Amino acid sequence: MRRRIAAAAVLAIGLMLALVGCTFFAPQATLIPYDASDGVSLNVGDIQLRNAFVISPDGETANFVGVLINTSKSAQDVKLQYVSHVNNMTARTTVDVKMAAGDVISYGNPGVPQLIMNAINVQPGGLLTIFVQYNGVSGKNVRIPVLNGQDPTYGHLQPTPTPTPNPAICSTAAAGKGIGCPNPTASGAPSN
């Protein structure tokens, strides 16, 4: 009887050590960084891009959604570049985002203007390549998902067209205040 108890105890201890031993060699899943949503993330020097994706029902006009974070103690001019396709020609299009020191801009939140990307030529379900760079620091490419926005969670993020300025009310004074006129120096305004 004692032999059976001793054998069972040795077997139980051996089985327990074998099962527990796996946890000593396997990486902890909670320590593996990952993007917990539909977007992707990227670090370029002092600039962080978090949960980035675009909403584009037609694969042409897209609304950029994500968070840009300037972790430096100085202002940065962040450039988001992508390839646009117009009239069977391709061009590199740059969107400038001016960020103050420590600035956090969350595109896709109420009160933050949409950052529209035109002529992306990537159908929903695909990946749009964006090059992120700032103030002479070497940039990096990131491939962000293109979603169609049919999910109710993202329904309010459909790209809305920028109103066409009315030349009758557009004046130098009004343009400087962004009233009725495009202001190419505004934060997030696209430039070529």
Protein backbone atom coordinates (compact mmCIF):
# COMPACT_ATOMS: atom_id res chain seq x y z
CA MET A 1 0.00 0.00 0.00
CA ARG A 2 2.81 2.40 0.86
CA ARG A 3 4.45 1.71 -2.48
CA ARG A 4 1.25 2.68 -4.31
CA ILE A 5 0.91 5.90 -2.35
CA ALA A 6 4.58 6.74 -2.88
CA ALA A 7 4.34 5.96 -6.64
CA ALA A 8 1.18 8.07 -6.95
CA ALA A 9 2.83 10.94 -5.09
CA VAL A 10 5.96 10.75 -7.28
CA LEU A 11 3.78 10.61 -10.41
CA ALA A 12 1.68 13.59 -9.23
CA ILE A 13 4.78 15.63 -8.36
CA GLY A 14 6.38 14.76 -11.72
CA LEU A 15 3.22 15.71 -13.62
CA MET A 16 2.89 18.96 -11.67
CA LEU A 17 6.54 19.89 -12.34
CA ALA A 18 6.13 19.10 -16.04
CA LEU A 19 3.04 21.30 -16.33
CA VAL A 20 4.42 24.15 -14.23
CA GLY A 21 7.81 23.94 -15.94
CA CYS A 22 6.25 25.04 -19.24
CA THR A 23 5.46 28.44 -17.77
CA PHE A 24 9.13 29.02 -16.97
CA PHE A 25 10.12 28.68 -20.63
CA ALA A 26 7.10 30.08 -22.48
CA PRO A 27 6.89 33.87 -22.98
CA GLN A 28 4.16 35.64 -21.06
CA ALA A 29 1.43 36.68 -23.50
CA THR A 30 0.73 39.84 -21.50
CA LEU A 31 4.26 41.09 -22.20
CA ILE A 32 3.98 40.79 -25.99
CA PRO A 33 3.03 44.20 -27.49
CA TYR A 34 0.17 44.17 -29.98
CA ASP A 35 -2.47 46.47 -31.43
CA ALA A 36 -5.72 45.68 -29.68
CA SER A 37 -7.96 47.31 -32.28
CA ASP A 38 -8.26 47.52 -36.07
CA GLY A 39 -5.37 49.93 -36.50
CA VAL A 40 -1.60 49.62 -36.39
CA SER A 41 1.08 51.52 -34.49
CA LEU A 42 4.53 52.89 -35.27
CA ASN A 43 7.30 54.85 -33.51
CA VAL A 44 9.50 57.24 -35.49
CA GLY A 45 11.91 58.94 -33.10
CA ASP A 46 9.85 61.20 -30.82
CA ILE A 47 6.66 60.76 -32.84
CA GLN A 48 4.27 57.93 -32.04
CA LEU A 49 1.44 56.80 -34.29
CA ARG A 50 -1.22 54.72 -32.52
CA ASN A 51 -4.20 52.71 -33.83
CA ALA A 52 -3.95 54.12 -37.37
CA PHE A 53 -6.33 53.12 -40.16
CA VAL A 54 -8.41 54.84 -42.84
CA ILE A 55 -12.12 54.73 -43.60
CA SER A 56 -12.78 54.66 -47.35
CA PRO A 57 -16.06 53.25 -48.70
CA ASP A 58 -14.98 53.75 -52.34
CA GLY A 59 -11.22 53.07 -52.15
CA GLU A 60 -10.49 56.62 -53.35
CA THR A 61 -11.30 59.20 -50.67
CA ALA A 62 -10.23 58.22 -47.17
CA ASN A 63 -10.53 59.64 -43.67
CA PHE A 64 -7.39 59.02 -41.59
CA VAL A 65 -8.15 57.76 -38.07
CA GLY A 66 -5.50 57.40 -35.39
CA VAL A 67 -3.50 59.18 -32.73
CA LEU A 68 -0.32 61.18 -33.33
CA ILE A 69 1.79 61.86 -30.23
CA ASN A 70 4.75 64.22 -30.03
CA THR A 71 6.81 63.02 -27.05
CA SER A 72 9.56 65.62 -27.58
CA LYS A 73 9.95 68.96 -25.82
CA SER A 74 9.84 70.92 -29.07
CA ALA A 75 7.36 71.51 -31.89
CA GLN A 76 7.52 69.07 -34.81
CA ASP A 77 6.30 69.21 -38.41
CA VAL A 78 5.11 65.65 -39.08
CA LYS A 79 4.71 64.54 -42.68
CA LEU A 80 2.40 61.69 -43.68
CA GLN A 81 3.13 60.70 -47.29
CA TYR A 82 1.22 58.29 -49.51
CA VAL A 83 1.01 57.54 -53.22
CA SER A 84 -2.02 59.10 -54.91
CA HIS A 85 -3.37 58.07 -58.30
CA VAL A 86 -4.94 60.74 -60.56
CA ASN A 87 -5.58 60.43 -64.32
CA ASN A 88 -3.43 57.28 -64.66
CA MET A 89 -0.51 59.05 -63.00
CA THR A 90 0.96 58.49 -59.57
CA ALA A 91 2.34 61.15 -57.27
CA ARG A 92 3.60 61.26 -53.71
CA THR A 93 1.15 63.32 -51.68
CA THR A 94 2.20 64.82 -48.35
CA VAL A 95 -0.07 65.79 -45.49
CA ASP A 96 1.63 68.13 -43.00
CA VAL A 97 0.63 68.03 -39.36
CA LYS A 98 2.12 70.70 -37.11
CA MET A 99 2.45 69.48 -33.54
CA ALA A 100 3.39 71.46 -30.44
CA ALA A 101 5.69 69.95 -27.80
CA GLY A 102 3.90 67.10 -26.02
CA ASP A 103 0.93 67.42 -28.39
CA VAL A 104 -1.56 64.55 -28.79
CA ILE A 105 -3.87 64.72 -31.82
CA SER A 106 -6.60 62.08 -31.99
CA TYR A 107 -8.08 61.99 -35.50
CA GLY A 108 -11.54 60.48 -35.47
CA ASN A 109 -12.68 62.16 -32.26
CA PRO A 110 -15.37 64.83 -32.18
CA GLY A 111 -13.96 68.35 -32.44
CA VAL A 112 -10.88 67.26 -34.44
CA PRO A 113 -11.13 68.04 -38.18
CA GLN A 114 -10.96 65.08 -40.52
CA LEU A 115 -7.63 64.39 -42.18
CA ILE A 116 -8.76 63.51 -45.72
CA MET A 117 -6.54 61.57 -48.14
CA ASN A 118 -7.60 61.66 -51.79
CA ALA A 119 -6.99 59.26 -54.69
CA ILE A 120 -5.55 56.48 -52.51
CA ASN A 121 -6.61 53.76 -54.98
CA VAL A 122 -6.78 51.03 -52.30
CA GLN A 123 -10.01 49.10 -51.93
CA PRO A 124 -11.47 48.36 -48.47
CA GLY A 125 -9.79 45.31 -47.03
CA GLY A 126 -6.42 46.36 -48.44
CA LEU A 127 -3.47 48.14 -46.88
CA LEU A 128 -2.41 51.74 -47.58
CA THR A 129 1.31 52.43 -47.23
CA ILE A 130 2.08 55.68 -45.42
CA PHE A 131 5.57 57.09 -44.87
CA VAL A 132 5.85 58.92 -41.52
CA GLN A 133 8.68 61.45 -41.11
CA TYR A 134 9.39 64.70 -39.26
CA ASN A 135 12.00 67.49 -39.13
CA GLY A 136 14.76 65.61 -40.97
CA VAL A 137 14.53 62.44 -38.84
CA SER A 138 14.65 59.26 -40.95
CA GLY A 139 11.09 58.13 -41.51
CA LYS A 140 9.44 54.74 -41.67
CA ASN A 141 6.75 53.11 -43.79
CA VAL A 142 3.67 51.67 -42.15
CA ARG A 143 0.88 49.75 -43.88
CA ILE A 144 -2.46 50.74 -42.40
CA PRO A 145 -5.79 48.96 -42.94
CA VAL A 146 -8.43 50.43 -45.26
CA LEU A 147 -11.91 49.88 -43.78
CA ASN A 148 -15.19 50.56 -45.55
CA GLY A 149 -16.89 52.12 -42.51
CA GLN A 150 -19.95 49.86 -42.65
CA ASP A 151 -19.36 48.69 -39.10
CA PRO A 152 -21.64 50.83 -36.88
CA THR A 153 -18.64 51.62 -34.66
CA TYR A 154 -17.04 53.53 -37.52
CA GLY A 155 -20.15 54.88 -39.27
CA HIS A 156 -19.53 58.44 -38.06
CA LEU A 157 -15.99 58.38 -39.51
CA GLN A 158 -17.00 58.32 -43.18
CA PRO A 159 -14.93 60.87 -45.15
CA THR A 160 -16.85 64.09 -45.72
CA PRO A 161 -15.84 66.35 -48.59
CA THR A 162 -14.16 69.63 -47.84
CA PRO A 163 -16.45 72.53 -48.77
CA THR A 164 -15.46 74.41 -51.91
CA PRO A 165 -14.45 77.98 -51.08
CA ASN A 166 -16.67 80.74 -52.39
CA PRO A 167 -14.45 83.22 -54.30
CA ALA A 168 -16.99 85.99 -53.65
CA ILE A 169 -16.28 85.91 -49.91
CA CYS A 170 -12.64 84.83 -50.09
CA SER A 171 -10.30 87.68 -49.21
CA THR A 172 -6.80 87.96 -47.84
CA ALA A 173 -8.10 88.89 -44.38
CA ALA A 174 -10.65 86.07 -44.43
CA ALA A 175 -8.09 83.55 -45.74
CA GLY A 176 -5.76 84.31 -42.84
CA LYS A 177 -8.55 83.41 -40.44
CA GLY A 178 -9.66 80.36 -42.45
CA ILE A 179 -13.07 81.91 -43.14
CA GLY A 180 -14.57 80.61 -46.36
CA CYS A 181 -11.13 80.01 -47.87
CA PRO A 182 -8.61 77.22 -47.85
CA ASN A 183 -5.73 77.82 -45.49
CA PRO A 184 -2.73 75.76 -46.65
CA THR A 185 -0.81 76.39 -43.43
CA ALA A 186 -3.53 74.99 -41.18
CA SER A 187 -2.67 71.93 -39.11
CA GLY A 188 -3.38 68.79 -41.10
CA ALA A 189 -3.91 70.64 -44.40
CA PRO A 190 -2.72 68.55 -47.36
CA SER A 191 0.00 69.85 -49.62
CA ASN A 192 1.74 68.39 -52.67
